[in-house]
Amino acid sequence: MRTVDPAKHQARRRHILNAATSLFAAKGYERTTTAEICKAAGISAGNLFHYFPNKRAIFLAVFEDEDLDRAERLAQARHADDPLQALMDLVDHLAAPAVEPVVPALVMEAMVQAYRDPELEALLSRGNADEHAVIAALLTRAAASGRIDPGLDPDSTAVWITALIASVYTSAATNPGFDPPDQLPTLRLILARFLEAKPQNP
């Protein structure tokens, strides 16, 4: 029996996902075929189905892998010593993929497909909920330590922070004049000024 090399298997799986991601972003899920994915990845259909049973599994895997990476980053942020610095670094981390040419369009496609696929909708919703929870926890800690305005409600503020991050992706996908690398420092500045602790009246 042939032994499967886990490292090679994972590398080939990632290669297929990278090829499929570019196609999903450029053409959309519905218009992308498994034959096109095979051609882009340089593999046969038989090899493709050794890694993924169908096109839907490939599309889900793109976001499942991202979910695992995000979970690790969220755990690190939640337990950081400096909650405000951790929050700002987390915002940078969550918004940074928007600078990649294919990512904003892929995010928009995922939003469309989530209306039709309960499993994808649950995956995206869980990721959003996890981000919200960690951001709210960091805001609570930062307010308690006097680092940000204690009058801000953590849950409501977390809603707005995640909405601003999401707007980077939607703007990049729909507005040709929107340049994420130029706009990310502005996002950070907006948040820093919004969260800033107000001086107490004497």
Protein backbone atom coordinates (compact mmCIF):
# COMPACT_ATOMS: atom_id res chain seq x y z
CA MET A 1 0.00 0.00 0.00
CA ARG A 2 1.37 3.40 -0.96
CA THR A 3 2.02 5.68 1.99
CA VAL A 4 0.66 9.21 1.70
CA ASP A 5 3.14 11.94 2.62
CA PRO A 6 1.07 14.36 4.77
CA ALA A 7 3.23 17.35 3.85
CA LYS A 8 2.96 16.67 0.12
CA HIS A 9 -0.76 16.00 0.42
CA GLN A 10 -1.30 19.31 2.23
CA ALA A 11 0.87 21.17 -0.28
CA ARG A 12 -1.08 19.77 -3.23
CA ARG A 13 -4.37 20.51 -1.50
CA ARG A 14 -3.27 24.12 -0.94
CA HIS A 15 -2.15 24.37 -4.58
CA ILE A 16 -5.62 23.30 -5.74
CA LEU A 17 -7.29 25.77 -3.39
CA ASN A 18 -5.09 28.62 -4.62
CA ALA A 19 -5.95 27.84 -8.23
CA ALA A 20 -9.65 27.57 -7.43
CA THR A 21 -9.64 30.78 -5.38
CA SER A 22 -8.46 32.84 -8.34
CA LEU A 23 -11.17 31.35 -10.55
CA PHE A 24 -13.94 31.80 -7.98
CA ALA A 25 -12.95 35.44 -7.53
CA ALA A 26 -12.72 36.15 -11.27
CA LYS A 27 -15.71 34.17 -12.56
CA GLY A 28 -17.86 33.44 -9.51
CA TYR A 29 -18.72 30.08 -8.04
CA GLU A 30 -21.50 29.18 -10.46
CA ARG A 31 -19.51 29.93 -13.63
CA THR A 32 -16.36 28.15 -12.49
CA THR A 33 -16.14 24.50 -13.56
CA THR A 34 -14.12 21.67 -12.08
CA ALA A 35 -12.45 21.27 -15.47
CA GLU A 36 -11.18 24.85 -15.23
CA ILE A 37 -9.91 24.22 -11.71
CA CYS A 38 -8.07 21.11 -12.92
CA LYS A 39 -6.50 23.04 -15.79
CA ALA A 40 -5.45 25.94 -13.55
CA ALA A 41 -3.96 23.53 -10.99
CA GLY A 42 -2.33 21.38 -13.66
CA ILE A 43 -3.95 18.14 -12.49
CA SER A 44 -6.39 15.59 -13.83
CA ALA A 45 -9.99 15.24 -12.69
CA GLY A 46 -9.06 11.99 -10.99
CA ASN A 47 -6.40 13.75 -8.95
CA LEU A 48 -8.76 16.58 -8.05
CA PHE A 49 -11.39 14.22 -6.66
CA HIS A 50 -8.71 12.52 -4.59
CA TYR A 51 -8.55 15.75 -2.57
CA PHE A 52 -12.08 17.11 -2.87
CA PRO A 53 -15.33 15.26 -3.70
CA ASN A 54 -16.87 18.15 -5.66
CA LYS A 55 -16.68 21.86 -6.45
CA ARG A 56 -18.74 22.85 -3.43
CA ALA A 57 -16.24 21.11 -1.14
CA ILE A 58 -13.45 23.15 -2.72
CA PHE A 59 -15.33 26.41 -2.19
CA LEU A 60 -16.08 25.56 1.43
CA ALA A 61 -12.48 24.52 2.05
CA VAL A 62 -11.26 27.97 0.99
CA PHE A 63 -13.14 29.49 3.91
CA GLU A 64 -12.65 26.60 6.34
CA ASP A 65 -8.89 26.98 6.08
CA GLU A 66 -9.23 30.72 6.60
CA ASP A 67 -11.45 30.03 9.64
CA LEU A 68 -8.73 27.91 11.26
CA ASP A 69 -6.10 30.61 10.74
CA ARG A 70 -8.45 33.27 12.10
CA ALA A 71 -9.29 31.22 15.20
CA GLU A 72 -5.62 31.01 16.12
CA ARG A 73 -5.12 34.74 15.60
CA LEU A 74 -8.22 35.58 17.66
CA ALA A 75 -7.03 33.41 20.54
CA GLN A 76 -3.68 35.22 20.56
CA ALA A 77 -5.38 38.62 20.56
CA ARG A 78 -7.80 37.71 23.36
CA HIS A 79 -4.95 36.85 25.74
CA ALA A 80 -2.58 39.68 24.83
CA ASP A 81 -1.18 41.78 27.65
CA ASP A 82 -2.07 45.13 26.03
CA PRO A 83 -5.74 45.00 24.93
CA LEU A 84 -5.69 48.24 22.93
CA GLN A 85 -2.57 47.32 20.98
CA ALA A 86 -4.00 43.84 20.45
CA LEU A 87 -7.23 45.36 19.15
CA MET A 88 -5.48 47.63 16.66
CA ASP A 89 -3.21 44.80 15.52
CA LEU A 90 -6.26 42.55 15.10
CA VAL A 91 -8.02 45.16 12.97
CA ASP A 92 -4.90 45.38 10.80
CA HIS A 93 -4.82 41.59 10.51
CA LEU A 94 -8.49 41.24 9.60
CA ALA A 95 -8.39 44.04 7.03
CA ALA A 96 -4.99 43.22 5.49
CA PRO A 97 -6.20 40.50 3.06
CA ALA A 98 -8.24 43.17 1.25
CA VAL A 99 -5.02 44.34 -0.41
CA GLU A 100 -4.79 41.01 -2.29
CA PRO A 101 -6.37 41.42 -5.76
CA VAL A 102 -8.63 38.35 -5.58
CA VAL A 103 -9.78 38.50 -1.96
CA PRO A 104 -12.44 41.27 -2.03
CA ALA A 105 -14.22 39.68 -4.99
CA LEU A 106 -14.02 36.29 -3.30
CA VAL A 107 -15.57 37.71 -0.13
CA MET A 108 -18.42 39.20 -2.14
CA GLU A 109 -18.97 35.85 -3.88
CA ALA A 110 -19.07 34.10 -0.50
CA MET A 111 -21.75 36.50 0.68
CA VAL A 112 -23.85 35.68 -2.39
CA GLN A 113 -23.40 31.93 -2.02
CA ALA A 114 -24.15 32.02 1.71
CA TYR A 115 -27.78 32.86 0.89
CA ARG A 116 -28.00 29.55 -0.96
CA ASP A 117 -25.79 27.34 1.19
CA PRO A 118 -26.69 26.96 4.90
CA GLU A 119 -23.35 25.32 5.70
CA LEU A 120 -21.38 28.21 4.24
CA GLU A 121 -23.70 30.71 5.94
CA ALA A 122 -23.10 29.00 9.28
CA LEU A 123 -19.34 29.01 8.73
CA LEU A 124 -19.25 32.71 7.89
CA SER A 125 -21.63 33.59 10.73
CA ARG A 126 -19.53 31.68 13.23
CA GLY A 127 -16.43 33.51 12.07
CA ASN A 128 -18.15 36.88 12.35
CA ALA A 129 -19.44 36.03 15.83
CA ASP A 130 -15.98 34.97 16.98
CA GLU A 131 -14.44 38.21 15.69
CA HIS A 132 -17.16 40.26 17.40
CA ALA A 133 -16.67 38.45 20.72
CA VAL A 134 -12.91 38.99 20.80
CA ILE A 135 -13.16 42.63 19.72
CA ALA A 136 -15.80 43.30 22.40
CA ALA A 137 -13.65 41.57 25.04
CA LEU A 138 -10.62 43.67 24.10
CA LEU A 139 -12.71 46.84 24.19
CA THR A 140 -13.97 45.91 27.67
CA ARG A 141 -10.44 45.35 28.95
CA ALA A 142 -9.11 48.52 27.30
CA ALA A 143 -11.92 50.60 28.83
CA ALA A 144 -11.35 49.11 32.29
CA SER A 145 -7.68 50.07 32.11
CA GLY A 146 -8.48 53.63 30.98
CA ARG A 147 -6.99 53.14 27.53
CA ILE A 148 -10.19 54.02 25.64
CA ASP A 149 -13.38 55.98 26.26
CA PRO A 150 -15.22 54.06 29.02
CA GLY A 151 -18.53 55.47 27.77
CA LEU A 152 -18.43 53.30 24.66
CA ASP A 153 -20.61 50.20 24.77
CA PRO A 154 -18.30 47.27 23.87
CA ASP A 155 -20.89 45.30 21.89
CA SER A 156 -22.15 48.27 19.87
CA THR A 157 -18.61 49.47 19.23
CA ALA A 158 -17.56 45.99 18.10
CA VAL A 159 -20.45 46.03 15.61
CA TRP A 160 -19.15 49.25 14.09
CA ILE A 161 -15.54 48.07 14.03
CA THR A 162 -16.45 44.88 12.16
CA ALA A 163 -18.65 46.90 9.82
CA LEU A 164 -15.75 49.20 8.99
CA ILE A 165 -13.50 46.22 8.30
CA ALA A 166 -16.16 44.69 6.05
CA SER A 167 -16.53 47.98 4.18
CA VAL A 168 -12.86 47.77 3.15
CA TYR A 169 -13.64 44.54 1.29
CA THR A 170 -16.90 45.70 -0.28
CA SER A 171 -15.37 49.01 -1.36
CA ALA A 172 -12.35 47.27 -2.87
CA ALA A 173 -14.65 44.87 -4.76
CA THR A 174 -17.10 47.47 -6.08
CA ASN A 175 -15.16 50.73 -6.37
CA PRO A 176 -12.26 50.72 -8.87
CA GLY A 177 -10.89 53.91 -7.33
CA PHE A 178 -10.66 52.44 -3.83
CA ASP A 179 -7.08 51.44 -3.03
CA PRO A 180 -6.91 49.29 0.16
CA PRO A 181 -3.18 49.85 0.85
CA ASP A 182 -3.80 53.59 0.86
CA GLN A 183 -6.98 53.32 2.94
CA LEU A 184 -5.90 50.93 5.71
CA PRO A 185 -3.90 53.59 7.62
CA THR A 186 -6.99 55.81 7.49
CA LEU A 187 -9.09 53.02 8.98
CA ARG A 188 -6.62 52.67 11.83
CA LEU A 189 -6.62 56.46 12.40
CA ILE A 190 -10.43 56.61 12.44
CA LEU A 191 -10.59 53.87 15.06
CA ALA A 192 -7.84 55.37 17.20
CA ARG A 193 -9.59 58.74 17.33
CA PHE A 194 -13.00 57.19 17.89
CA LEU A 195 -11.79 55.04 20.79
CA GLU A 196 -9.61 57.70 22.38
CA ALA A 197 -10.26 58.24 26.08
CA LYS A 198 -11.76 61.69 26.69
CA PRO A 199 -10.08 63.92 29.29
CA GLN A 200 -12.04 64.15 32.50
CA ASN A 201 -13.52 67.51 33.48
CA PRO A 202 -11.84 68.98 36.59
